[in-house]
Amino acid sequence: MVGRKLLAAGTLSLAALTLAACQSDAQQAPVGDAPGLCRAEAAEALAGKARISDVEAQQATGATIVRQIRPGQGVTMDYRRERVTIETDPKTGKIVRAFCG
């Protein structure tokens, strides 16, 4: 009987430790106008405008990373909150779409 109680207590302790290990101590960065993070509304507002430089894109969106692409160009799909992707039509020089990530 004592053995079962010890086994049950040990199992519960192990479960508690396992769950505690899954807990994160890291603080999440605030979303919105945090420095270096891309502002989605600002990125979307670039659509329809003439192509801009990387520096102009950083100033307009707050992003620290700028990715300039052409329509249909393959890109990685990893989401980076500090990146703005600007898709520009090479024929017209106009921004087709711009988005964060």
PDB file of N, CA and C in Angstrom:
ATOM      1  N   MET A   1       0.822  -1.186   0.000  1.00  0.00           N
ATOM      2  CA  MET A   1       0.000   0.000   0.000  1.00  0.00           C
ATOM      3  C   MET A   1       0.868   1.252   0.000  1.00  0.00           C
ATOM      4  N   VAL A   2       1.918   1.225   0.849  1.00  0.00           N
ATOM      5  CA  VAL A   2       2.824   2.370   0.924  1.00  0.00           C
ATOM      6  C   VAL A   2       3.541   2.546  -0.415  1.00  0.00           C
ATOM      7  N   GLY A   3       3.879   1.451  -1.057  1.00  0.00           N
ATOM      8  CA  GLY A   3       4.554   1.491  -2.355  1.00  0.00           C
ATOM      9  C   GLY A   3       3.709   2.173  -3.420  1.00  0.00           C
ATOM     10  N   ARG A   4       2.400   1.912  -3.398  1.00  0.00           N
ATOM     11  CA  ARG A   4       1.507   2.537  -4.374  1.00  0.00           C
ATOM     12  C   ARG A   4       1.418   4.042  -4.152  1.00  0.00           C
ATOM     13  N   LYS A   5       1.374   4.442  -2.883  1.00  0.00           N
ATOM     14  CA  LYS A   5       1.296   5.875  -2.572  1.00  0.00           C
ATOM     15  C   LYS A   5       2.569   6.586  -3.024  1.00  0.00           C
ATOM     16  N   LEU A   6       3.717   5.942  -2.800  1.00  0.00           N
ATOM     17  CA  LEU A   6       4.976   6.534  -3.237  1.00  0.00           C
ATOM     18  C   LEU A   6       5.033   6.617  -4.761  1.00  0.00           C
ATOM     19  N   LEU A   7       4.559   5.589  -5.428  1.00  0.00           N
ATOM     20  CA  LEU A   7       4.535   5.580  -6.888  1.00  0.00           C
ATOM     21  C   LEU A   7       3.614   6.671  -7.415  1.00  0.00           C
ATOM     22  N   ALA A   8       2.443   6.817  -6.796  1.00  0.00           N
ATOM     23  CA  ALA A   8       1.496   7.858  -7.214  1.00  0.00           C
ATOM     24  C   ALA A   8       2.085   9.243  -6.972  1.00  0.00           C
ATOM     25  N   ALA A   9       2.721   9.448  -5.828  1.00  0.00           N
ATOM     26  CA  ALA A   9       3.330  10.747  -5.513  1.00  0.00           C
ATOM     27  C   ALA A   9       4.468  11.047  -6.482  1.00  0.00           C
ATOM     28  N   GLY A  10       5.254  10.040  -6.790  1.00  0.00           N
ATOM     29  CA  GLY A  10       6.358  10.219  -7.741  1.00  0.00           C
ATOM     30  C   GLY A  10       5.854  10.560  -9.132  1.00  0.00           C
ATOM     31  N   THR A  11       4.782   9.906  -9.546  1.00  0.00           N
ATOM     32  CA  THR A  11       4.199  10.172 -10.859  1.00  0.00           C
ATOM     33  C   THR A  11       3.668  11.595 -10.938  1.00  0.00           C
ATOM     34  N   LEU A  12       2.983  12.039  -9.879  1.00  0.00           N
ATOM     35  CA  LEU A  12       2.458  13.408  -9.850  1.00  0.00           C
ATOM     36  C   LEU A  12       3.587  14.435  -9.859  1.00  0.00           C
ATOM     37  N   SER A  13       4.645  14.152  -9.118  1.00  0.00           N
ATOM     38  CA  SER A  13       5.791  15.067  -9.085  1.00  0.00           C
ATOM     39  C   SER A  13       6.438  15.171 -10.459  1.00  0.00           C
ATOM     40  N   LEU A  14       6.584  14.048 -11.118  1.00  0.00           N
ATOM     41  CA  LEU A  14       7.168  14.028 -12.456  1.00  0.00           C
ATOM     42  C   LEU A  14       6.296  14.803 -13.440  1.00  0.00           C
ATOM     43  N   ALA A  15       4.993  14.637 -13.340  1.00  0.00           N
ATOM     44  CA  ALA A  15       4.072  15.365 -14.220  1.00  0.00           C
ATOM     45  C   ALA A  15       4.175  16.868 -13.977  1.00  0.00           C
ATOM     46  N   ALA A  16       4.263  17.277 -12.720  1.00  0.00           N
ATOM     47  CA  ALA A  16       4.378  18.702 -12.387  1.00  0.00           C
ATOM     48  C   ALA A  16       5.680  19.282 -12.926  1.00  0.00           C
ATOM     49  N   LEU A  17       6.770  18.546 -12.793  1.00  0.00           N
ATOM     50  CA  LEU A  17       8.054  19.013 -13.315  1.00  0.00           C
ATOM     51  C   LEU A  17       8.034  19.118 -14.836  1.00  0.00           C
ATOM     52  N   THR A  18       7.403  18.159 -15.473  1.00  0.00           N
ATOM     53  CA  THR A  18       7.304  18.178 -16.931  1.00  0.00           C
ATOM     54  C   THR A  18       6.534  19.401 -17.404  1.00  0.00           C
ATOM     55  N   LEU A  19       5.423  19.692 -16.758  1.00  0.00           N
ATOM     56  CA  LEU A  19       4.631  20.865 -17.135  1.00  0.00           C
ATOM     57  C   LEU A  19       5.376  22.159 -16.837  1.00  0.00           C
ATOM     58  N   ALA A  20       6.091  22.210 -15.748  1.00  0.00           N
ATOM     59  CA  ALA A  20       6.855  23.413 -15.397  1.00  0.00           C
ATOM     60  C   ALA A  20       7.950  23.675 -16.421  1.00  0.00           C
ATOM     61  N   ALA A  21       8.528  22.623 -16.972  1.00  0.00           N
ATOM     62  CA  ALA A  21       9.577  22.782 -17.976  1.00  0.00           C
ATOM     63  C   ALA A  21       9.037  23.381 -19.268  1.00  0.00           C
ATOM     64  N   CYS A  22       7.766  23.206 -19.527  1.00  0.00           N
ATOM     65  CA  CYS A  22       7.151  23.743 -20.740  1.00  0.00           C
ATOM     66  C   CYS A  22       6.821  25.224 -20.618  1.00  0.00           C
ATOM     67  N   GLN A  23       6.850  25.737 -19.414  1.00  0.00           N
ATOM     68  CA  GLN A  23       6.490  27.128 -19.174  1.00  0.00           C
ATOM     69  C   GLN A  23       7.630  28.030 -19.621  1.00  0.00           C
ATOM     70  N   SER A  24       7.302  29.134 -20.272  1.00  0.00           N
ATOM     71  CA  SER A  24       8.303  30.061 -20.772  1.00  0.00           C
ATOM     72  C   SER A  24       8.454  31.247 -19.831  1.00  0.00           C
ATOM     73  N   ASP A  25       9.700  31.623 -19.572  1.00  0.00           N
ATOM     74  CA  ASP A  25       9.973  32.802 -18.760  1.00  0.00           C
ATOM     75  C   ASP A  25      10.132  34.045 -19.625  1.00  0.00           C
ATOM     76  N   ALA A  26      10.268  33.856 -20.933  1.00  0.00           N
ATOM     77  CA  ALA A  26      10.511  34.984 -21.836  1.00  0.00           C
ATOM     78  C   ALA A  26       9.294  35.893 -21.911  1.00  0.00           C
ATOM     79  N   GLN A  27       9.561  37.174 -21.873  1.00  0.00           N
ATOM     80  CA  GLN A  27       8.500  38.165 -22.019  1.00  0.00           C
ATOM     81  C   GLN A  27       8.277  38.408 -23.504  1.00  0.00           C
ATOM     82  N   GLN A  28       7.031  38.462 -23.909  1.00  0.00           N
ATOM     83  CA  GLN A  28       6.704  38.746 -25.300  1.00  0.00           C
ATOM     84  C   GLN A  28       6.872  40.237 -25.537  1.00  0.00           C
ATOM     85  N   ALA A  29       7.459  40.585 -26.680  1.00  0.00           N
ATOM     86  CA  ALA A  29       7.604  41.995 -27.035  1.00  0.00           C
ATOM     87  C   ALA A  29       6.231  42.553 -27.376  1.00  0.00           C
ATOM     88  N   PRO A  30       5.970  43.792 -27.004  1.00  0.00           N
ATOM     89  CA  PRO A  30       4.675  44.381 -27.322  1.00  0.00           C
ATOM     90  C   PRO A  30       4.500  44.534 -28.826  1.00  0.00           C
ATOM     91  N   VAL A  31       3.291  44.308 -29.281  1.00  0.00           N
ATOM     92  CA  VAL A  31       2.980  44.421 -30.701  1.00  0.00           C
ATOM     93  C   VAL A  31       2.550  45.847 -30.972  1.00  0.00           C
ATOM     94  N   GLY A  32       2.774  46.289 -32.177  1.00  0.00           N
ATOM     95  CA  GLY A  32       2.342  47.633 -32.537  1.00  0.00           C
ATOM     96  C   GLY A  32       3.517  48.466 -32.977  1.00  0.00           C
ATOM     97  N   ASP A  33       3.752  49.564 -32.287  1.00  0.00           N
ATOM     98  CA  ASP A  33       4.793  50.490 -32.681  1.00  0.00           C
ATOM     99  C   ASP A  33       6.126  50.215 -31.996  1.00  0.00           C
ATOM    100  N   ALA A  34       6.390  48.977 -31.664  1.00  0.00           N
ATOM    101  CA  ALA A  34       7.666  48.631 -31.052  1.00  0.00           C
ATOM    102  C   ALA A  34       8.778  48.899 -32.063  1.00  0.00           C
ATOM    103  N   PRO A  35       9.915  49.412 -31.617  1.00  0.00           N
ATOM    104  CA  PRO A  35      11.008  49.722 -32.531  1.00  0.00           C
ATOM    105  C   PRO A  35      11.454  48.499 -33.318  1.00  0.00           C
ATOM    106  N   GLY A  36      11.633  48.674 -34.616  1.00  0.00           N
ATOM    107  CA  GLY A  36      12.127  47.606 -35.466  1.00  0.00           C
ATOM    108  C   GLY A  36      11.074  46.678 -36.019  1.00  0.00           C
ATOM    109  N   LEU A  37       9.830  46.776 -35.537  1.00  0.00           N
ATOM    110  CA  LEU A  37       8.777  45.899 -36.034  1.00  0.00           C
ATOM    111  C   LEU A  37       8.024  46.579 -37.167  1.00  0.00           C
ATOM    112  N   CYS A  38       7.672  45.796 -38.155  1.00  0.00           N
ATOM    113  CA  CYS A  38       6.930  46.301 -39.310  1.00  0.00           C
ATOM    114  C   CYS A  38       5.499  46.655 -38.911  1.00  0.00           C
ATOM    115  N   ARG A  39       5.041  47.815 -39.356  1.00  0.00           N
ATOM    116  CA  ARG A  39       3.659  48.249 -39.116  1.00  0.00           C
ATOM    117  C   ARG A  39       2.827  47.883 -40.345  1.00  0.00           C
ATOM    118  N   ALA A  40       1.891  46.959 -40.174  1.00  0.00           N
ATOM    119  CA  ALA A  40       1.105  46.410 -41.283  1.00  0.00           C
ATOM    120  C   ALA A  40       0.344  47.479 -42.054  1.00  0.00           C
ATOM    121  N   GLU A  41      -0.287  48.417 -41.354  1.00  0.00           N
ATOM    122  CA  GLU A  41      -1.076  49.451 -42.038  1.00  0.00           C
ATOM    123  C   GLU A  41      -0.183  50.294 -42.937  1.00  0.00           C
ATOM    124  N   ALA A  42       1.002  50.616 -42.457  1.00  0.00           N
ATOM    125  CA  ALA A  42       1.939  51.419 -43.242  1.00  0.00           C
ATOM    126  C   ALA A  42       2.426  50.636 -44.459  1.00  0.00           C
ATOM    127  N   ALA A  43       2.663  49.334 -44.279  1.00  0.00           N
ATOM    128  CA  ALA A  43       3.105  48.507 -45.402  1.00  0.00           C
ATOM    129  C   ALA A  43       2.025  48.430 -46.472  1.00  0.00           C
ATOM    130  N   GLU A  44       0.798  48.164 -46.060  1.00  0.00           N
ATOM    131  CA  GLU A  44      -0.310  48.035 -47.014  1.00  0.00           C
ATOM    132  C   GLU A  44      -0.566  49.339 -47.761  1.00  0.00           C
ATOM    133  N   ALA A  45      -0.274  50.470 -47.136  1.00  0.00           N
ATOM    134  CA  ALA A  45      -0.492  51.777 -47.764  1.00  0.00           C
ATOM    135  C   ALA A  45       0.470  52.036 -48.920  1.00  0.00           C
ATOM    136  N   LEU A  46       1.518  51.234 -49.044  1.00  0.00           N
ATOM    137  CA  LEU A  46       2.478  51.413 -50.132  1.00  0.00           C
ATOM    138  C   LEU A  46       1.951  50.909 -51.472  1.00  0.00           C
ATOM    139  N   ALA A  47       0.954  50.036 -51.455  1.00  0.00           N
ATOM    140  CA  ALA A  47       0.406  49.469 -52.696  1.00  0.00           C
ATOM    141  C   ALA A  47      -0.084  50.579 -53.619  1.00  0.00           C
ATOM    142  N   GLY A  48       0.304  50.468 -54.898  1.00  0.00           N
ATOM    143  CA  GLY A  48      -0.114  51.444 -55.901  1.00  0.00           C
ATOM    144  C   GLY A  48       0.871  52.583 -56.092  1.00  0.00           C
ATOM    145  N   LYS A  49       1.817  52.719 -55.192  1.00  0.00           N
ATOM    146  CA  LYS A  49       2.805  53.791 -55.292  1.00  0.00           C
ATOM    147  C   LYS A  49       4.001  53.326 -56.115  1.00  0.00           C
ATOM    148  N   ALA A  50       4.835  54.279 -56.516  1.00  0.00           N
ATOM    149  CA  ALA A  50       6.051  53.958 -57.256  1.00  0.00           C
ATOM    150  C   ALA A  50       7.036  53.237 -56.343  1.00  0.00           C
ATOM    151  N   ARG A  51       7.893  52.413 -56.954  1.00  0.00           N
ATOM    152  CA  ARG A  51       8.893  51.655 -56.200  1.00  0.00           C
ATOM    153  C   ARG A  51       9.684  52.594 -55.301  1.00  0.00           C
ATOM    154  N   ILE A  52       9.996  52.119 -54.093  1.00  0.00           N
ATOM    155  CA  ILE A  52      10.776  52.909 -53.146  1.00  0.00           C
ATOM    156  C   ILE A  52      12.039  52.142 -52.768  1.00  0.00           C
ATOM    157  N   SER A  53      13.010  52.861 -52.248  1.00  0.00           N
ATOM    158  CA  SER A  53      14.263  52.234 -51.825  1.00  0.00           C
ATOM    159  C   SER A  53      14.059  51.497 -50.500  1.00  0.00           C
ATOM    160  N   ASP A  54      15.036  50.695 -50.152  1.00  0.00           N
ATOM    161  CA  ASP A  54      14.975  49.973 -48.878  1.00  0.00           C
ATOM    162  C   ASP A  54      14.924  50.945 -47.700  1.00  0.00           C
ATOM    163  N   VAL A  55      15.717  52.003 -47.765  1.00  0.00           N
ATOM    164  CA  VAL A  55      15.742  52.986 -46.676  1.00  0.00           C
ATOM    165  C   VAL A  55      14.383  53.662 -46.548  1.00  0.00           C
ATOM    166  N   GLU A  56      13.772  54.027 -47.672  1.00  0.00           N
ATOM    167  CA  GLU A  56      12.443  54.641 -47.639  1.00  0.00           C
ATOM    168  C   GLU A  56      11.413  53.674 -47.064  1.00  0.00           C
ATOM    169  N   ALA A  57      11.531  52.392 -47.428  1.00  0.00           N
ATOM    170  CA  ALA A  57      10.604  51.380 -46.909  1.00  0.00           C
ATOM    171  C   ALA A  57      10.761  51.229 -45.402  1.00  0.00           C
ATOM    172  N   GLN A  58      11.993  51.245 -44.917  1.00  0.00           N
ATOM    173  CA  GLN A  58      12.233  51.149 -43.475  1.00  0.00           C
ATOM    174  C   GLN A  58      11.636  52.348 -42.748  1.00  0.00           C
ATOM    175  N   GLN A  59      11.828  53.532 -43.314  1.00  0.00           N
ATOM    176  CA  GLN A  59      11.290  54.739 -42.686  1.00  0.00           C
ATOM    177  C   GLN A  59       9.765  54.732 -42.689  1.00  0.00           C
ATOM    178  N   ALA A  60       9.168  54.257 -43.778  1.00  0.00           N
ATOM    179  CA  ALA A  60       7.708  54.272 -43.904  1.00  0.00           C
ATOM    180  C   ALA A  60       7.031  53.229 -43.020  1.00  0.00           C
ATOM    181  N   THR A  61       7.662  52.064 -42.856  1.00  0.00           N
ATOM    182  CA  THR A  61       7.004  50.949 -42.164  1.00  0.00           C
ATOM    183  C   THR A  61       7.562  50.633 -40.782  1.00  0.00           C
ATOM    184  N   GLY A  62       8.745  51.126 -40.477  1.00  0.00           N
ATOM    185  CA  GLY A  62       9.376  50.801 -39.202  1.00  0.00           C
ATOM    186  C   GLY A  62      10.135  49.489 -39.219  1.00  0.00           C
ATOM    187  N   ALA A  63      10.084  48.762 -40.326  1.00  0.00           N
ATOM    188  CA  ALA A  63      10.761  47.469 -40.431  1.00  0.00           C
ATOM    189  C   ALA A  63      12.274  47.657 -40.467  1.00  0.00           C
ATOM    190  N   THR A  64      13.000  46.699 -39.935  1.00  0.00           N
ATOM    191  CA  THR A  64      14.458  46.747 -40.005  1.00  0.00           C
ATOM    192  C   THR A  64      14.992  45.920 -41.165  1.00  0.00           C
ATOM    193  N   ILE A  65      14.152  45.041 -41.720  1.00  0.00           N
ATOM    194  CA  ILE A  65      14.541  44.213 -42.861  1.00  0.00           C
ATOM    195  C   ILE A  65      13.568  44.495 -43.999  1.00  0.00           C
ATOM    196  N   VAL A  66      14.112  44.714 -45.198  1.00  0.00           N
ATOM    197  CA  VAL A  66      13.281  44.966 -46.379  1.00  0.00           C
ATOM    198  C   VAL A  66      13.590  43.892 -47.410  1.00  0.00           C
ATOM    199  N   ARG A  67      12.530  43.296 -47.961  1.00  0.00           N
ATOM    200  CA  ARG A  67      12.682  42.293 -49.022  1.00  0.00           C
ATOM    201  C   ARG A  67      11.919  42.808 -50.233  1.00  0.00           C
ATOM    202  N   GLN A  68      12.651  43.110 -51.311  1.00  0.00           N
ATOM    203  CA  GLN A  68      12.049  43.584 -52.557  1.00  0.00           C
ATOM    204  C   GLN A  68      11.934  42.378 -53.496  1.00  0.00           C
ATOM    205  N   ILE A  69      10.719  42.133 -53.995  1.00  0.00           N
ATOM    206  CA  ILE A  69      10.498  40.986 -54.885  1.00  0.00           C
ATOM    207  C   ILE A  69       9.688  41.400 -56.105  1.00  0.00           C
ATOM    208  N   ARG A  70       9.656  40.505 -57.103  1.00  0.00           N
ATOM    209  CA  ARG A  70       8.823  40.670 -58.300  1.00  0.00           C
ATOM    210  C   ARG A  70       7.612  39.757 -58.174  1.00  0.00           C
ATOM    211  N   PRO A  71       6.514  40.065 -58.870  1.00  0.00           N
ATOM    212  CA  PRO A  71       5.345  39.174 -58.838  1.00  0.00           C
ATOM    213  C   PRO A  71       5.738  37.761 -59.271  1.00  0.00           C
ATOM    214  N   GLY A  72       5.305  36.780 -58.505  1.00  0.00           N
ATOM    215  CA  GLY A  72       5.570  35.382 -58.821  1.00  0.00           C
ATOM    216  C   GLY A  72       6.914  34.870 -58.339  1.00  0.00           C
ATOM    217  N   GLN A  73       7.740  35.732 -57.795  1.00  0.00           N
ATOM    218  CA  GLN A  73       9.052  35.313 -57.316  1.00  0.00           C
ATOM    219  C   GLN A  73       8.901  34.459 -56.067  1.00  0.00           C
ATOM    220  N   GLY A  74       9.620  33.358 -56.014  1.00  0.00           N
ATOM    221  CA  GLY A  74       9.588  32.479 -54.851  1.00  0.00           C
ATOM    222  C   GLY A  74      10.339  33.096 -53.681  1.00  0.00           C
ATOM    223  N   VAL A  75       9.765  32.987 -52.513  1.00  0.00           N
ATOM    224  CA  VAL A  75      10.399  33.502 -51.291  1.00  0.00           C
ATOM    225  C   VAL A  75      10.143  32.529 -50.152  1.00  0.00           C
ATOM    226  N   THR A  76      10.942  32.648 -49.115  1.00  0.00           N
ATOM    227  CA  THR A  76      10.706  31.823 -47.933  1.00  0.00           C
ATOM    228  C   THR A  76       9.424  32.288 -47.261  1.00  0.00           C
ATOM    229  N   MET A  77       8.750  31.387 -46.584  1.00  0.00           N
ATOM    230  CA  MET A  77       7.475  31.722 -45.948  1.00  0.00           C
ATOM    231  C   MET A  77       7.614  31.893 -44.434  1.00  0.00           C
ATOM    232  N   ASP A  78       8.843  31.993 -43.946  1.00  0.00           N
ATOM    233  CA  ASP A  78       9.015  32.212 -42.512  1.00  0.00           C
ATOM    234  C   ASP A  78       8.511  33.605 -42.151  1.00  0.00           C
ATOM    235  N   TYR A  79       7.844  33.709 -41.025  1.00  0.00           N
ATOM    236  CA  TYR A  79       7.269  34.987 -40.610  1.00  0.00           C
ATOM    237  C   TYR A  79       8.270  35.735 -39.750  1.00  0.00           C
ATOM    238  N   ARG A  80       8.638  36.933 -40.189  1.00  0.00           N
ATOM    239  CA  ARG A  80       9.567  37.785 -39.451  1.00  0.00           C
ATOM    240  C   ARG A  80       8.879  39.112 -39.193  1.00  0.00           C
ATOM    241  N   ARG A  81       8.591  39.407 -37.944  1.00  0.00           N
ATOM    242  CA  ARG A  81       7.843  40.625 -37.593  1.00  0.00           C
ATOM    243  C   ARG A  81       8.601  41.893 -37.934  1.00  0.00           C
ATOM    244  N   GLU A  82       9.905  41.794 -38.083  1.00  0.00           N
ATOM    245  CA  GLU A  82      10.709  42.973 -38.370  1.00  0.00           C
ATOM    246  C   GLU A  82      10.954  43.176 -39.874  1.00  0.00           C
ATOM    247  N   ARG A  83      10.297  42.357 -40.718  1.00  0.00           N
ATOM    248  CA  ARG A  83      10.528  42.432 -42.166  1.00  0.00           C
ATOM    249  C   ARG A  83       9.296  42.928 -42.906  1.00  0.00           C
ATOM    250  N   VAL A  84       9.533  43.768 -43.918  1.00  0.00           N
ATOM    251  CA  VAL A  84       8.487  44.157 -44.856  1.00  0.00           C
ATOM    252  C   VAL A  84       8.879  43.578 -46.215  1.00  0.00           C
ATOM    253  N   THR A  85       7.916  42.990 -46.894  1.00  0.00           N
ATOM    254  CA  THR A  85       8.128  42.468 -48.235  1.00  0.00           C
ATOM    255  C   THR A  85       7.368  43.359 -49.199  1.00  0.00           C
ATOM    256  N   ILE A  86       8.079  43.862 -50.203  1.00  0.00           N
ATOM    257  CA  ILE A  86       7.483  44.769 -51.180  1.00  0.00           C
ATOM    258  C   ILE A  86       7.552  44.110 -52.549  1.00  0.00           C
ATOM    259  N   GLU A  87       6.390  43.881 -53.130  1.00  0.00           N
ATOM    260  CA  GLU A  87       6.283  43.251 -54.449  1.00  0.00           C
ATOM    261  C   GLU A  87       6.039  44.349 -55.482  1.00  0.00           C
ATOM    262  N   THR A  88       6.991  44.518 -56.407  1.00  0.00           N
ATOM    263  CA  THR A  88       6.925  45.593 -57.390  1.00  0.00           C
ATOM    264  C   THR A  88       6.878  45.020 -58.798  1.00  0.00           C
ATOM    265  N   ASP A  89       5.974  45.546 -59.621  1.00  0.00           N
ATOM    266  CA  ASP A  89       5.862  45.144 -61.025  1.00  0.00           C
ATOM    267  C   ASP A  89       7.030  45.766 -61.786  1.00  0.00           C
ATOM    268  N   PRO A  90       7.904  44.938 -62.392  1.00  0.00           N
ATOM    269  CA  PRO A  90       9.071  45.486 -63.080  1.00  0.00           C
ATOM    270  C   PRO A  90       8.703  46.304 -64.330  1.00  0.00           C
ATOM    271  N   LYS A  91       7.542  46.045 -64.914  1.00  0.00           N
ATOM    272  CA  LYS A  91       7.130  46.773 -66.121  1.00  0.00           C
ATOM    273  C   LYS A  91       6.654  48.182 -65.790  1.00  0.00           C
ATOM    274  N   THR A  92       5.880  48.318 -64.727  1.00  0.00           N
ATOM    275  CA  THR A  92       5.302  49.622 -64.384  1.00  0.00           C
ATOM    276  C   THR A  92       6.089  50.353 -63.298  1.00  0.00           C
ATOM    277  N   GLY A  93       6.884  49.624 -62.532  1.00  0.00           N
ATOM    278  CA  GLY A  93       7.608  50.234 -61.426  1.00  0.00           C
ATOM    279  C   GLY A  93       6.712  50.546 -60.237  1.00  0.00           C
ATOM    280  N   LYS A  94       5.482  50.040 -60.273  1.00  0.00           N
ATOM    281  CA  LYS A  94       4.521  50.283 -59.190  1.00  0.00           C
ATOM    282  C   LYS A  94       4.533  49.117 -58.201  1.00  0.00           C
ATOM    283  N   ILE A  95       4.299  49.455 -56.945  1.00  0.00           N
ATOM    284  CA  ILE A  95       4.209  48.436 -55.902  1.00  0.00           C
ATOM    285  C   ILE A  95       2.861  47.742 -56.029  1.00  0.00           C
ATOM    286  N   VAL A  96       2.899  46.438 -56.243  1.00  0.00           N
ATOM    287  CA  VAL A  96       1.684  45.638 -56.378  1.00  0.00           C
ATOM    288  C   VAL A  96       1.084  45.381 -55.000  1.00  0.00           C
ATOM    289  N   ARG A  97       1.943  45.008 -54.054  1.00  0.00           N
ATOM    290  CA  ARG A  97       1.507  44.800 -52.675  1.00  0.00           C
ATOM    291  C   ARG A  97       2.719  44.863 -51.765  1.00  0.00           C
ATOM    292  N   ALA A  98       2.456  45.165 -50.519  1.00  0.00           N
ATOM    293  CA  ALA A  98       3.503  45.190 -49.497  1.00  0.00           C
ATOM    294  C   ALA A  98       2.888  44.661 -48.212  1.00  0.00           C
ATOM    295  N   PHE A  99       3.654  43.836 -47.512  1.00  0.00           N
ATOM    296  CA  PHE A  99       3.124  43.225 -46.294  1.00  0.00           C
ATOM    297  C   PHE A  99       4.243  42.924 -45.316  1.00  0.00           C
ATOM    298  N   CYS A 100       3.879  42.849 -44.071  1.00  0.00           N
ATOM    299  CA  CYS A 100       4.837  42.521 -43.018  1.00  0.00           C
ATOM    300  C   CYS A 100       5.004  41.011 -42.929  1.00  0.00           C
ATOM    301  N   GLY A 101       6.156  40.623 -42.487  1.00  0.00           N
ATOM    302  CA  GLY A 101       6.412  39.208 -42.283  1.00  0.00           C
ATOM    303  C   GLY A 101       7.491  38.745 -43.188  1.00  0.00           C
TER     304      GLY A 101
END
